[in-house]
Every structure is written in structure tokens, then in C-alpha cells.
């Protein structure tokens, strides 16, 4: 690619170049603005199926065979992907809230990144003769906070969240019966 690499942490041309951000606007890297997060959240919320139908116990049964199991998993993942996203986010939030050390580790990471970023706004950070870019700032913040993450058991938390997500979403997708339209399509497929 012949184009210049875009720095996600660079200020726009009209923005202030030194010191803290102007006004009450919180500084966020380019591409991580509050409006982007809000838009993503709203799209997920609008695509979400009603929770009453999602957890309706009358709609759960054991699949008759492996083919039906696979069909259910694929269709339910497609139908309830936004619901599953919120379950995943809820499990992450539960894991963070239930572990004060993990919360502390995240605070250390965010604080280290923020301090490094503020220093880079004052003047260019140069380490070993090279300018520290946004990616390097994140790496440096991660290196500074990695001992705290290790002490907090972040690796265990990640695997717990992945395992719990797989168990909850996998069992729902496998045992949730397909709707009438999906069942007609399933019956009409050639054998």
C-alpha cells in the first residue's frame, strides 16, 4: 500500500495540539468516539430479539439427530446474535465487577495509557531514538500493567468468560427449537 499509515491517536487539524483536550470533551483515540460506541450499541439493541421469546422454556427440546442440532445452532446464532452479544458483555462485566484485583488491573492499564498519551501530547515521546506511536503507547501501557494483570489472574478470567459464554450460548443455540418458518425450510431441503 502506497498510502500513508493513519495514526488513530492523531488530533484532527482543527483540534488543540498541546495540553489537555479543549472543553468538556473527553479525549478518545480516533475511531473510539462515544458516538461510534453508541451507534454500535443501538444497532445491536435494534437487532435484538425479545427476551421473553429468547428464554421461553416451552421452545426448548432435545434435537432428534445431529443434522437438526447443527441446523438449530446455525439458525439460532443467526437469529439471536445480538442477544448472545449482550450475554457475552454481561459475563465480562460480571467477571470484572466480581474481581476487585481485575478492576484494579484495568484501572492501572487505563491510567498508564492516559499518562503516556498526555506526555506524548506535550512533546513527542522518543525511546531509543524512535518516536512512540499510538500502538507503541498501548504496548507500553500493557507492559507497565502486565504484572498487575498477572497478579489479578486475568488469564483465568479470560478463559472463564470464554467457557461460560460457550456453555450458555451453545446450549441455548442447540436446544432452542426453530420457529415455524425455519422448520418448513428444514423439511423442504433435499436429502
N, C-alpha and C. Protein backbone atom coordinates (compact mmCIF):
# COMPACT_ATOMS: atom_id res chain seq x y z
N UNK A 1 0.84 -1.17 0.00
CA UNK A 1 0.00 0.00 0.00
C UNK A 1 0.88 1.24 0.00
N UNK A 2 0.64 2.12 -0.93
CA UNK A 2 1.48 3.29 -1.07
C UNK A 2 1.03 4.45 -0.19
N UNK A 3 -0.18 4.36 0.41
CA UNK A 3 -0.68 5.47 1.22
C UNK A 3 0.01 5.55 2.57
N UNK A 4 -0.12 6.72 3.18
CA UNK A 4 0.48 6.96 4.48
C UNK A 4 -0.38 6.28 5.55
N UNK A 5 0.25 5.64 6.52
CA UNK A 5 -0.48 4.99 7.60
C UNK A 5 -1.18 6.03 8.46
N UNK A 6 -2.42 5.76 8.83
CA UNK A 6 -3.19 6.70 9.63
C UNK A 6 -2.93 6.41 11.10
N UNK A 7 -2.60 7.44 11.86
CA UNK A 7 -2.38 7.30 13.28
C UNK A 7 -3.72 7.48 13.98
N UNK A 8 -4.24 6.42 14.65
CA UNK A 8 -5.56 6.54 15.26
C UNK A 8 -5.59 7.50 16.43
N UNK A 9 -4.43 7.93 16.92
CA UNK A 9 -4.37 8.81 18.07
C UNK A 9 -4.04 10.24 17.69
N UNK A 10 -3.92 10.51 16.40
CA UNK A 10 -3.57 11.85 15.94
C UNK A 10 -4.77 12.78 16.12
N UNK A 11 -4.48 14.02 16.39
CA UNK A 11 -5.52 15.03 16.55
C UNK A 11 -5.97 15.49 15.16
N UNK A 12 -7.22 15.88 15.05
CA UNK A 12 -7.71 16.44 13.80
C UNK A 12 -7.08 17.82 13.60
N UNK A 13 -7.14 18.33 12.37
CA UNK A 13 -6.47 19.58 12.04
C UNK A 13 -7.00 20.75 12.87
N UNK A 14 -8.29 20.76 13.20
CA UNK A 14 -8.86 21.88 13.94
C UNK A 14 -8.74 21.74 15.44
N UNK A 15 -8.18 20.64 15.94
CA UNK A 15 -8.14 20.42 17.38
C UNK A 15 -6.89 21.02 17.99
N UNK A 16 -6.94 21.17 19.26
CA UNK A 16 -5.83 21.70 20.04
C UNK A 16 -4.66 20.71 19.99
N UNK A 17 -3.43 21.21 19.92
CA UNK A 17 -2.28 20.32 19.79
C UNK A 17 -1.48 20.16 21.06
N UNK A 18 -1.70 20.95 22.06
CA UNK A 18 -0.93 20.81 23.29
C UNK A 18 -1.83 20.83 24.50
N UNK A 19 -1.45 20.15 25.55
CA UNK A 19 -2.22 20.13 26.79
C UNK A 19 -3.44 19.26 26.70
N UNK A 20 -4.30 19.34 27.71
CA UNK A 20 -5.49 18.51 27.72
C UNK A 20 -6.48 18.94 26.66
N UNK A 21 -7.41 18.10 26.31
CA UNK A 21 -8.39 18.44 25.28
C UNK A 21 -9.21 19.65 25.66
N UNK A 22 -9.68 20.35 24.64
CA UNK A 22 -10.44 21.57 24.86
C UNK A 22 -11.83 21.24 25.36
N UNK A 23 -12.37 22.10 26.19
CA UNK A 23 -13.74 21.96 26.67
C UNK A 23 -13.94 20.73 27.53
N UNK A 24 -15.19 20.29 27.58
CA UNK A 24 -15.53 19.12 28.37
C UNK A 24 -15.40 17.84 27.59
N UNK A 25 -14.93 17.90 26.38
CA UNK A 25 -14.82 16.72 25.53
C UNK A 25 -13.74 15.80 26.05
N UNK A 26 -14.10 14.56 26.35
CA UNK A 26 -13.12 13.59 26.83
C UNK A 26 -12.30 13.10 25.65
N UNK A 27 -10.98 12.98 25.85
CA UNK A 27 -10.14 12.52 24.78
C UNK A 27 -10.30 11.02 24.59
N UNK A 28 -10.53 10.61 23.36
CA UNK A 28 -10.55 9.21 22.99
C UNK A 28 -9.78 9.07 21.68
N UNK A 29 -9.15 7.91 21.46
CA UNK A 29 -8.47 7.72 20.19
C UNK A 29 -9.46 7.82 19.03
N UNK A 30 -8.95 8.21 17.87
CA UNK A 30 -9.79 8.31 16.69
C UNK A 30 -10.36 6.92 16.39
N UNK A 31 -11.64 6.85 16.10
CA UNK A 31 -12.30 5.59 15.85
C UNK A 31 -12.94 5.00 17.10
N UNK A 32 -12.65 5.58 18.27
CA UNK A 32 -13.25 5.09 19.51
C UNK A 32 -14.09 6.18 20.16
N UNK A 33 -14.72 7.00 19.36
CA UNK A 33 -15.50 8.09 19.92
C UNK A 33 -16.77 7.54 20.56
N UNK A 34 -17.34 8.34 21.41
CA UNK A 34 -18.57 7.94 22.09
C UNK A 34 -19.70 7.70 21.12
N UNK A 35 -19.74 8.45 20.02
CA UNK A 35 -20.83 8.28 19.06
C UNK A 35 -20.71 6.95 18.33
N UNK A 36 -19.49 6.49 18.08
CA UNK A 36 -19.29 5.19 17.42
C UNK A 36 -19.77 4.07 18.33
N UNK A 37 -19.40 4.15 19.60
CA UNK A 37 -19.83 3.13 20.56
C UNK A 37 -21.34 3.16 20.74
N UNK A 38 -21.91 4.35 20.80
CA UNK A 38 -23.36 4.49 20.97
C UNK A 38 -24.09 3.93 19.75
N UNK A 39 -23.56 4.21 18.56
CA UNK A 39 -24.17 3.71 17.32
C UNK A 39 -24.12 2.18 17.28
N UNK A 40 -22.97 1.61 17.65
CA UNK A 40 -22.83 0.14 17.67
C UNK A 40 -23.83 -0.46 18.65
N UNK A 41 -23.92 0.13 19.84
CA UNK A 41 -24.83 -0.37 20.87
C UNK A 41 -26.27 -0.30 20.38
N UNK A 42 -26.66 0.80 19.73
CA UNK A 42 -28.02 0.96 19.23
C UNK A 42 -28.33 -0.06 18.13
N UNK A 43 -27.36 -0.31 17.23
CA UNK A 43 -27.59 -1.31 16.18
C UNK A 43 -27.81 -2.69 16.80
N UNK A 44 -27.03 -3.04 17.81
CA UNK A 44 -27.19 -4.33 18.49
C UNK A 44 -28.54 -4.40 19.19
N UNK A 45 -28.92 -3.31 19.83
CA UNK A 45 -30.18 -3.30 20.57
C UNK A 45 -31.37 -3.42 19.61
N UNK A 46 -31.29 -2.78 18.45
CA UNK A 46 -32.39 -2.84 17.49
C UNK A 46 -32.49 -4.23 16.85
N UNK A 47 -31.38 -4.94 16.72
CA UNK A 47 -31.40 -6.27 16.10
C UNK A 47 -31.74 -7.37 17.11
N UNK A 48 -31.87 -7.00 18.37
CA UNK A 48 -32.10 -7.98 19.42
C UNK A 48 -33.54 -8.51 19.35
N UNK A 49 -33.69 -9.81 19.56
CA UNK A 49 -35.00 -10.44 19.63
C UNK A 49 -35.55 -10.24 21.04
N UNK A 50 -36.87 -10.27 21.22
CA UNK A 50 -37.45 -10.09 22.55
C UNK A 50 -36.95 -11.16 23.52
N UNK A 51 -36.61 -10.72 24.74
CA UNK A 51 -36.06 -11.64 25.74
C UNK A 51 -37.09 -12.67 26.18
N UNK A 52 -38.38 -12.32 26.15
CA UNK A 52 -39.41 -13.27 26.56
C UNK A 52 -39.41 -14.50 25.64
N UNK A 53 -39.28 -14.29 24.36
CA UNK A 53 -39.19 -15.41 23.41
C UNK A 53 -37.86 -16.12 23.48
N UNK A 54 -36.84 -15.37 23.83
CA UNK A 54 -35.49 -15.93 23.92
C UNK A 54 -35.40 -16.97 25.03
N UNK A 55 -36.08 -16.74 26.15
CA UNK A 55 -35.99 -17.64 27.30
C UNK A 55 -37.26 -18.46 27.51
N UNK A 56 -38.18 -18.49 26.56
CA UNK A 56 -39.42 -19.25 26.68
C UNK A 56 -39.09 -20.74 26.79
N UNK A 57 -39.37 -21.31 27.96
CA UNK A 57 -39.00 -22.70 28.23
C UNK A 57 -39.77 -23.70 27.37
N UNK A 58 -40.93 -23.32 26.88
CA UNK A 58 -41.72 -24.23 26.04
C UNK A 58 -41.07 -24.43 24.68
N UNK A 59 -40.13 -23.57 24.29
CA UNK A 59 -39.50 -23.64 22.98
C UNK A 59 -38.18 -24.43 23.00
N UNK A 60 -37.88 -25.10 24.11
CA UNK A 60 -36.64 -25.87 24.21
C UNK A 60 -36.96 -27.36 24.17
N UNK A 61 -36.17 -28.09 23.41
CA UNK A 61 -36.30 -29.55 23.36
C UNK A 61 -34.99 -30.14 22.87
N UNK A 62 -34.89 -31.43 23.05
CA UNK A 62 -33.70 -32.16 22.60
C UNK A 62 -33.80 -32.35 21.08
N UNK A 63 -32.73 -32.06 20.34
CA UNK A 63 -32.77 -32.29 18.89
C UNK A 63 -32.86 -33.80 18.58
N UNK A 64 -33.56 -34.13 17.48
CA UNK A 64 -33.76 -35.54 17.13
C UNK A 64 -32.48 -36.21 16.64
N UNK A 65 -31.65 -35.44 15.93
CA UNK A 65 -30.42 -36.03 15.38
C UNK A 65 -29.36 -34.93 15.24
N UNK A 66 -28.19 -35.32 14.81
CA UNK A 66 -27.07 -34.38 14.69
C UNK A 66 -27.35 -33.32 13.64
N UNK A 67 -28.01 -33.68 12.55
CA UNK A 67 -28.34 -32.71 11.50
C UNK A 67 -29.24 -31.61 12.02
N UNK A 68 -30.24 -31.99 12.80
CA UNK A 68 -31.14 -30.99 13.38
C UNK A 68 -30.40 -30.12 14.39
N UNK A 69 -29.50 -30.71 15.15
CA UNK A 69 -28.69 -29.95 16.09
C UNK A 69 -27.88 -28.88 15.37
N UNK A 70 -27.21 -29.27 14.29
CA UNK A 70 -26.42 -28.30 13.51
C UNK A 70 -27.29 -27.22 12.92
N UNK A 71 -28.46 -27.61 12.40
CA UNK A 71 -29.39 -26.64 11.82
C UNK A 71 -29.85 -25.64 12.88
N UNK A 72 -30.17 -26.13 14.08
CA UNK A 72 -30.60 -25.25 15.15
C UNK A 72 -29.50 -24.27 15.55
N UNK A 73 -28.30 -24.77 15.68
CA UNK A 73 -27.19 -23.91 16.10
C UNK A 73 -26.98 -22.79 15.09
N UNK A 74 -26.94 -23.14 13.81
CA UNK A 74 -26.70 -22.14 12.77
C UNK A 74 -27.82 -21.11 12.73
N UNK A 75 -29.08 -21.57 12.74
CA UNK A 75 -30.21 -20.64 12.65
C UNK A 75 -30.33 -19.78 13.91
N UNK A 76 -30.14 -20.40 15.09
CA UNK A 76 -30.27 -19.62 16.32
C UNK A 76 -29.14 -18.61 16.47
N UNK A 77 -27.93 -18.96 16.04
CA UNK A 77 -26.84 -17.99 16.07
C UNK A 77 -27.15 -16.81 15.16
N UNK A 78 -27.76 -17.09 14.02
CA UNK A 78 -28.12 -16.02 13.09
C UNK A 78 -29.27 -15.17 13.65
N UNK A 79 -30.25 -15.81 14.27
CA UNK A 79 -31.42 -15.10 14.77
C UNK A 79 -31.12 -14.30 16.04
N UNK A 80 -30.37 -14.89 16.96
CA UNK A 80 -30.17 -14.29 18.28
C UNK A 80 -28.76 -13.73 18.49
N UNK A 81 -28.06 -13.37 17.43
CA UNK A 81 -26.68 -12.91 17.58
C UNK A 81 -26.56 -11.68 18.49
N UNK A 82 -27.51 -10.78 18.45
CA UNK A 82 -27.43 -9.60 19.33
C UNK A 82 -27.70 -9.97 20.78
N UNK A 83 -28.64 -10.88 21.01
CA UNK A 83 -28.89 -11.35 22.37
C UNK A 83 -27.63 -12.01 22.92
N UNK A 84 -26.99 -12.81 22.10
CA UNK A 84 -25.77 -13.50 22.53
C UNK A 84 -24.64 -12.50 22.81
N UNK A 85 -24.59 -11.42 22.04
CA UNK A 85 -23.58 -10.39 22.28
C UNK A 85 -23.78 -9.76 23.65
N UNK A 86 -25.03 -9.47 24.02
CA UNK A 86 -25.29 -8.89 25.33
C UNK A 86 -25.02 -9.87 26.47
N UNK A 87 -25.25 -11.16 26.22
CA UNK A 87 -24.90 -12.17 27.24
C UNK A 87 -23.40 -12.18 27.44
N UNK A 88 -22.64 -12.14 26.34
CA UNK A 88 -21.17 -12.12 26.42
C UNK A 88 -20.68 -10.88 27.17
N UNK A 89 -21.23 -9.71 26.85
CA UNK A 89 -20.84 -8.48 27.54
C UNK A 89 -21.23 -8.53 29.02
N UNK A 90 -22.37 -9.13 29.32
CA UNK A 90 -22.79 -9.27 30.70
C UNK A 90 -21.85 -10.18 31.49
N UNK A 91 -21.38 -11.26 30.88
CA UNK A 91 -20.43 -12.14 31.55
C UNK A 91 -19.09 -11.44 31.78
N UNK A 92 -18.66 -10.64 30.82
CA UNK A 92 -17.42 -9.87 31.01
C UNK A 92 -17.59 -8.89 32.16
N UNK A 93 -18.70 -8.18 32.17
CA UNK A 93 -18.96 -7.21 33.23
C UNK A 93 -19.02 -7.89 34.60
N UNK A 94 -19.69 -9.04 34.67
CA UNK A 94 -19.76 -9.79 35.92
C UNK A 94 -18.36 -10.19 36.39
N UNK A 95 -17.54 -10.66 35.47
CA UNK A 95 -16.19 -11.10 35.81
C UNK A 95 -15.35 -9.92 36.34
N UNK A 96 -15.48 -8.77 35.72
CA UNK A 96 -14.71 -7.60 36.15
C UNK A 96 -15.20 -7.10 37.52
N UNK A 97 -16.52 -7.01 37.68
CA UNK A 97 -17.07 -6.50 38.94
C UNK A 97 -16.78 -7.44 40.10
N UNK A 98 -16.82 -8.75 39.83
CA UNK A 98 -16.64 -9.71 40.92
C UNK A 98 -15.19 -9.90 41.32
N UNK A 99 -14.26 -9.29 40.59
CA UNK A 99 -12.84 -9.41 40.92
C UNK A 99 -12.23 -8.02 41.11
N UNK A 100 -12.08 -7.58 42.36
CA UNK A 100 -11.52 -6.25 42.60
C UNK A 100 -10.09 -6.11 42.05
N UNK A 101 -9.31 -7.19 42.08
CA UNK A 101 -7.95 -7.10 41.54
C UNK A 101 -7.97 -6.89 40.03
N UNK A 102 -8.91 -7.52 39.34
CA UNK A 102 -9.03 -7.31 37.90
C UNK A 102 -9.47 -5.88 37.60
N UNK A 103 -10.35 -5.36 38.43
CA UNK A 103 -10.77 -3.96 38.28
C UNK A 103 -9.59 -3.02 38.50
N UNK A 104 -8.76 -3.33 39.48
CA UNK A 104 -7.55 -2.54 39.74
C UNK A 104 -6.58 -2.63 38.56
N UNK A 105 -6.42 -3.84 38.01
CA UNK A 105 -5.52 -4.01 36.86
C UNK A 105 -5.99 -3.19 35.66
N UNK A 106 -7.29 -3.18 35.41
CA UNK A 106 -7.82 -2.36 34.31
C UNK A 106 -7.61 -0.88 34.58
N UNK A 107 -7.77 -0.46 35.83
CA UNK A 107 -7.54 0.94 36.18
C UNK A 107 -6.07 1.31 35.98
N UNK A 108 -5.15 0.41 36.33
CA UNK A 108 -3.72 0.67 36.12
C UNK A 108 -3.44 0.79 34.63
N UNK A 109 -4.01 -0.10 33.80
CA UNK A 109 -3.78 -0.05 32.36
C UNK A 109 -4.30 1.26 31.77
N UNK A 110 -5.54 1.63 32.11
CA UNK A 110 -6.13 2.87 31.57
C UNK A 110 -5.34 4.08 32.06
N UNK A 111 -4.96 4.07 33.34
CA UNK A 111 -4.17 5.19 33.88
C UNK A 111 -2.81 5.30 33.21
N UNK A 112 -2.14 4.18 33.02
CA UNK A 112 -0.83 4.20 32.36
C UNK A 112 -0.96 4.71 30.93
N UNK A 113 -1.97 4.23 30.21
CA UNK A 113 -2.15 4.69 28.83
C UNK A 113 -2.46 6.18 28.79
N UNK A 114 -3.30 6.64 29.70
CA UNK A 114 -3.68 8.05 29.71
C UNK A 114 -2.47 8.93 30.03
N UNK A 115 -1.66 8.53 31.00
CA UNK A 115 -0.46 9.31 31.35
C UNK A 115 0.51 9.34 30.17
N UNK A 116 0.71 8.20 29.54
CA UNK A 116 1.62 8.15 28.38
C UNK A 116 1.09 9.03 27.26
N UNK A 117 -0.21 8.98 27.03
CA UNK A 117 -0.78 9.80 25.97
C UNK A 117 -0.65 11.29 26.28
N UNK A 118 -0.90 11.68 27.53
CA UNK A 118 -0.75 13.10 27.90
C UNK A 118 0.69 13.56 27.72
N UNK A 119 1.65 12.72 28.08
CA UNK A 119 3.07 13.06 27.88
C UNK A 119 3.38 13.22 26.39
N UNK A 120 2.76 12.37 25.55
CA UNK A 120 3.03 12.48 24.12
C UNK A 120 2.38 13.71 23.51
N UNK A 121 1.31 14.24 24.13
CA UNK A 121 0.71 15.47 23.64
C UNK A 121 1.58 16.68 23.93
N UNK A 122 2.29 16.65 25.07
CA UNK A 122 3.17 17.76 25.44
C UNK A 122 4.33 17.86 24.47
N UNK A 123 4.98 16.74 24.22
CA UNK A 123 6.07 16.69 23.26
C UNK A 123 6.19 15.26 22.76
N UNK A 124 6.83 15.10 21.63
CA UNK A 124 6.97 13.76 21.05
C UNK A 124 7.79 12.89 21.99
N UNK A 125 7.25 11.70 22.27
CA UNK A 125 7.99 10.76 23.09
C UNK A 125 8.98 10.01 22.20
N UNK A 126 10.22 9.97 22.62
CA UNK A 126 11.26 9.27 21.86
C UNK A 126 11.92 8.28 22.80
N UNK A 127 11.88 7.01 22.41
CA UNK A 127 12.52 5.95 23.19
C UNK A 127 13.50 5.23 22.27
N UNK A 128 14.77 5.17 22.69
CA UNK A 128 15.84 4.55 21.90
C UNK A 128 15.91 5.14 20.49
N UNK A 129 15.70 6.45 20.39
CA UNK A 129 15.84 7.14 19.12
C UNK A 129 14.65 7.01 18.19
N UNK A 130 13.55 6.40 18.65
CA UNK A 130 12.35 6.25 17.81
C UNK A 130 11.16 6.91 18.49
N UNK A 131 10.31 7.51 17.66
CA UNK A 131 9.11 8.14 18.18
C UNK A 131 8.11 7.06 18.60
N UNK A 132 7.44 7.30 19.72
CA UNK A 132 6.46 6.35 20.24
C UNK A 132 5.11 6.67 19.61
N UNK A 133 4.61 5.75 18.79
CA UNK A 133 3.32 5.93 18.12
C UNK A 133 2.20 5.45 19.03
N UNK A 134 0.96 5.57 18.56
CA UNK A 134 -0.20 5.16 19.35
C UNK A 134 -0.18 3.69 19.70
N UNK A 135 0.19 2.86 18.76
CA UNK A 135 0.27 1.42 19.02
C UNK A 135 1.34 1.13 20.06
N UNK A 136 2.46 1.83 19.94
CA UNK A 136 3.53 1.65 20.92
C UNK A 136 3.10 2.15 22.30
N UNK A 137 2.27 3.17 22.34
CA UNK A 137 1.77 3.66 23.62
C UNK A 137 0.92 2.59 24.30
N UNK A 138 0.04 1.94 23.52
CA UNK A 138 -0.77 0.86 24.08
C UNK A 138 0.12 -0.29 24.56
N UNK A 139 1.14 -0.61 23.79
CA UNK A 139 2.06 -1.68 24.16
C UNK A 139 2.79 -1.33 25.45
N UNK A 140 3.24 -0.10 25.55
CA UNK A 140 3.95 0.34 26.75
C UNK A 140 3.02 0.31 27.97
N UNK A 141 1.80 0.76 27.81
CA UNK A 141 0.82 0.71 28.91
C UNK A 141 0.54 -0.74 29.30
N UNK A 142 0.46 -1.64 28.32
CA UNK A 142 0.26 -3.05 28.61
C UNK A 142 1.44 -3.65 29.34
N UNK A 143 2.64 -3.26 28.95
CA UNK A 143 3.84 -3.77 29.62
C UNK A 143 3.91 -3.29 31.06
N UNK A 144 3.54 -2.03 31.29
CA UNK A 144 3.57 -1.48 32.64
C UNK A 144 2.53 -2.18 33.53
N UNK A 145 1.36 -2.47 32.97
CA UNK A 145 0.28 -3.05 33.78
C UNK A 145 0.23 -4.58 33.76
N UNK A 146 1.07 -5.23 32.96
CA UNK A 146 1.01 -6.69 32.86
C UNK A 146 1.28 -7.40 34.19
N UNK A 147 2.21 -6.93 35.05
CA UNK A 147 2.35 -7.62 36.33
C UNK A 147 1.07 -7.58 37.18
N UNK A 148 0.34 -6.47 37.11
CA UNK A 148 -0.90 -6.37 37.87
C UNK A 148 -1.95 -7.31 37.28
N UNK A 149 -2.02 -7.39 35.94
CA UNK A 149 -2.94 -8.33 35.30
C UNK A 149 -2.60 -9.77 35.69
N UNK A 150 -1.31 -10.07 35.74
CA UNK A 150 -0.89 -11.43 36.11
C UNK A 150 -1.30 -11.73 37.55
N UNK A 151 -1.07 -10.77 38.46
CA UNK A 151 -1.47 -10.97 39.86
C UNK A 151 -2.99 -11.09 40.01
N UNK A 152 -3.72 -10.39 39.17
CA UNK A 152 -5.18 -10.41 39.25
C UNK A 152 -5.77 -11.68 38.63
N UNK A 153 -4.97 -12.46 37.93
CA UNK A 153 -5.48 -13.68 37.30
C UNK A 153 -6.31 -13.40 36.06
N UNK A 154 -5.86 -12.46 35.25
CA UNK A 154 -6.61 -12.07 34.06
C UNK A 154 -6.73 -13.21 33.06
N UNK A 155 -5.69 -14.04 32.97
CA UNK A 155 -5.76 -15.18 32.04
C UNK A 155 -6.87 -16.14 32.42
N UNK A 156 -6.99 -16.40 33.70
CA UNK A 156 -8.06 -17.26 34.18
C UNK A 156 -9.42 -16.64 33.90
N UNK A 157 -9.52 -15.35 34.10
CA UNK A 157 -10.79 -14.65 33.85
C UNK A 157 -11.18 -14.73 32.38
N UNK A 158 -10.21 -14.57 31.49
CA UNK A 158 -10.50 -14.64 30.06
C UNK A 158 -11.03 -16.02 29.70
N UNK A 159 -10.37 -17.07 30.18
CA UNK A 159 -10.83 -18.41 29.84
C UNK A 159 -12.16 -18.75 30.52
N UNK A 160 -12.41 -18.19 31.71
CA UNK A 160 -13.70 -18.40 32.35
C UNK A 160 -14.81 -17.77 31.53
N UNK A 161 -14.59 -16.53 31.07
CA UNK A 161 -15.61 -15.84 30.27
C UNK A 161 -15.86 -16.60 28.97
N UNK A 162 -14.78 -17.04 28.30
CA UNK A 162 -14.96 -17.78 27.05
C UNK A 162 -15.70 -19.09 27.28
N UNK A 163 -15.34 -19.82 28.34
CA UNK A 163 -16.01 -21.08 28.63
C UNK A 163 -17.46 -20.89 29.01
N UNK A 164 -17.75 -19.91 29.86
CA UNK A 164 -19.13 -19.65 30.26
C UNK A 164 -19.96 -19.20 29.07
N UNK A 165 -19.38 -18.38 28.21
CA UNK A 165 -20.09 -17.92 27.01
C UNK A 165 -20.40 -19.09 26.10
N UNK A 166 -19.41 -19.95 25.87
CA UNK A 166 -19.62 -21.11 25.01
C UNK A 166 -20.69 -22.03 25.59
N UNK A 167 -20.67 -22.24 26.90
CA UNK A 167 -21.66 -23.12 27.53
C UNK A 167 -23.07 -22.54 27.44
N UNK A 168 -23.23 -21.27 27.77
CA UNK A 168 -24.56 -20.65 27.78
C UNK A 168 -25.10 -20.50 26.37
N UNK A 169 -24.31 -19.91 25.49
CA UNK A 169 -24.79 -19.67 24.13
C UNK A 169 -24.91 -20.97 23.36
N UNK A 170 -23.95 -21.87 23.53
CA UNK A 170 -24.00 -23.15 22.82
C UNK A 170 -25.20 -23.98 23.22
N UNK A 171 -25.50 -24.03 24.52
CA UNK A 171 -26.66 -24.82 24.95
C UNK A 171 -27.96 -24.17 24.50
N UNK A 172 -28.04 -22.85 24.54
CA UNK A 172 -29.25 -22.19 24.06
C UNK A 172 -29.44 -22.43 22.57
N UNK A 173 -28.38 -22.26 21.80
CA UNK A 173 -28.48 -22.43 20.35
C UNK A 173 -28.81 -23.87 19.98
N UNK A 174 -28.32 -24.83 20.74
CA UNK A 174 -28.55 -26.23 20.41
C UNK A 174 -29.95 -26.70 20.81
N UNK A 175 -30.49 -26.20 21.91
CA UNK A 175 -31.75 -26.72 22.42
C UNK A 175 -32.96 -25.85 22.12
N UNK A 176 -32.76 -24.64 21.62
CA UNK A 176 -33.88 -23.76 21.27
C UNK A 176 -34.45 -24.21 19.94
N UNK A 177 -35.75 -24.56 19.94
CA UNK A 177 -36.40 -25.03 18.72
C UNK A 177 -36.46 -23.90 17.69
N UNK A 178 -36.48 -24.29 16.45
CA UNK A 178 -36.59 -23.32 15.37
C UNK A 178 -38.04 -22.86 15.24
N UNK A 179 -38.23 -21.64 14.74
CA UNK A 179 -39.58 -21.12 14.53
C UNK A 179 -40.24 -21.85 13.37
N UNK A 180 -41.53 -21.63 13.19
CA UNK A 180 -42.30 -22.33 12.16
C UNK A 180 -41.73 -22.15 10.76
N UNK A 181 -41.34 -20.95 10.39
CA UNK A 181 -40.80 -20.69 9.04
C UNK A 181 -39.49 -21.44 8.85
N UNK A 182 -38.69 -21.48 9.89
CA UNK A 182 -37.42 -22.20 9.80
C UNK A 182 -37.65 -23.70 9.70
N UNK A 183 -38.68 -24.21 10.37
CA UNK A 183 -38.98 -25.64 10.32
C UNK A 183 -39.46 -26.05 8.93
N UNK A 184 -40.29 -25.22 8.28
CA UNK A 184 -40.76 -25.52 6.93
C UNK A 184 -39.58 -25.61 5.98
N UNK A 185 -38.66 -24.68 6.11
CA UNK A 185 -37.47 -24.66 5.27
C UNK A 185 -36.62 -25.90 5.53
N UNK A 186 -36.56 -26.33 6.78
CA UNK A 186 -35.78 -27.50 7.15
C UNK A 186 -36.38 -28.75 6.53
N UNK A 187 -37.72 -28.86 6.52
CA UNK A 187 -38.39 -30.03 5.98
C UNK A 187 -38.29 -30.08 4.45
N UNK A 188 -38.20 -28.93 3.79
CA UNK A 188 -38.22 -28.89 2.34
C UNK A 188 -36.83 -29.06 1.73
N UNK A 189 -35.80 -29.12 2.54
CA UNK A 189 -34.46 -29.28 1.99
C UNK A 189 -34.30 -30.67 1.39
N UNK A 190 -33.58 -30.77 0.27
CA UNK A 190 -33.39 -32.11 -0.35
C UNK A 190 -32.48 -32.96 0.53
N UNK A 191 -32.73 -34.26 0.47
CA UNK A 191 -31.96 -35.19 1.28
C UNK A 191 -30.78 -35.73 0.51
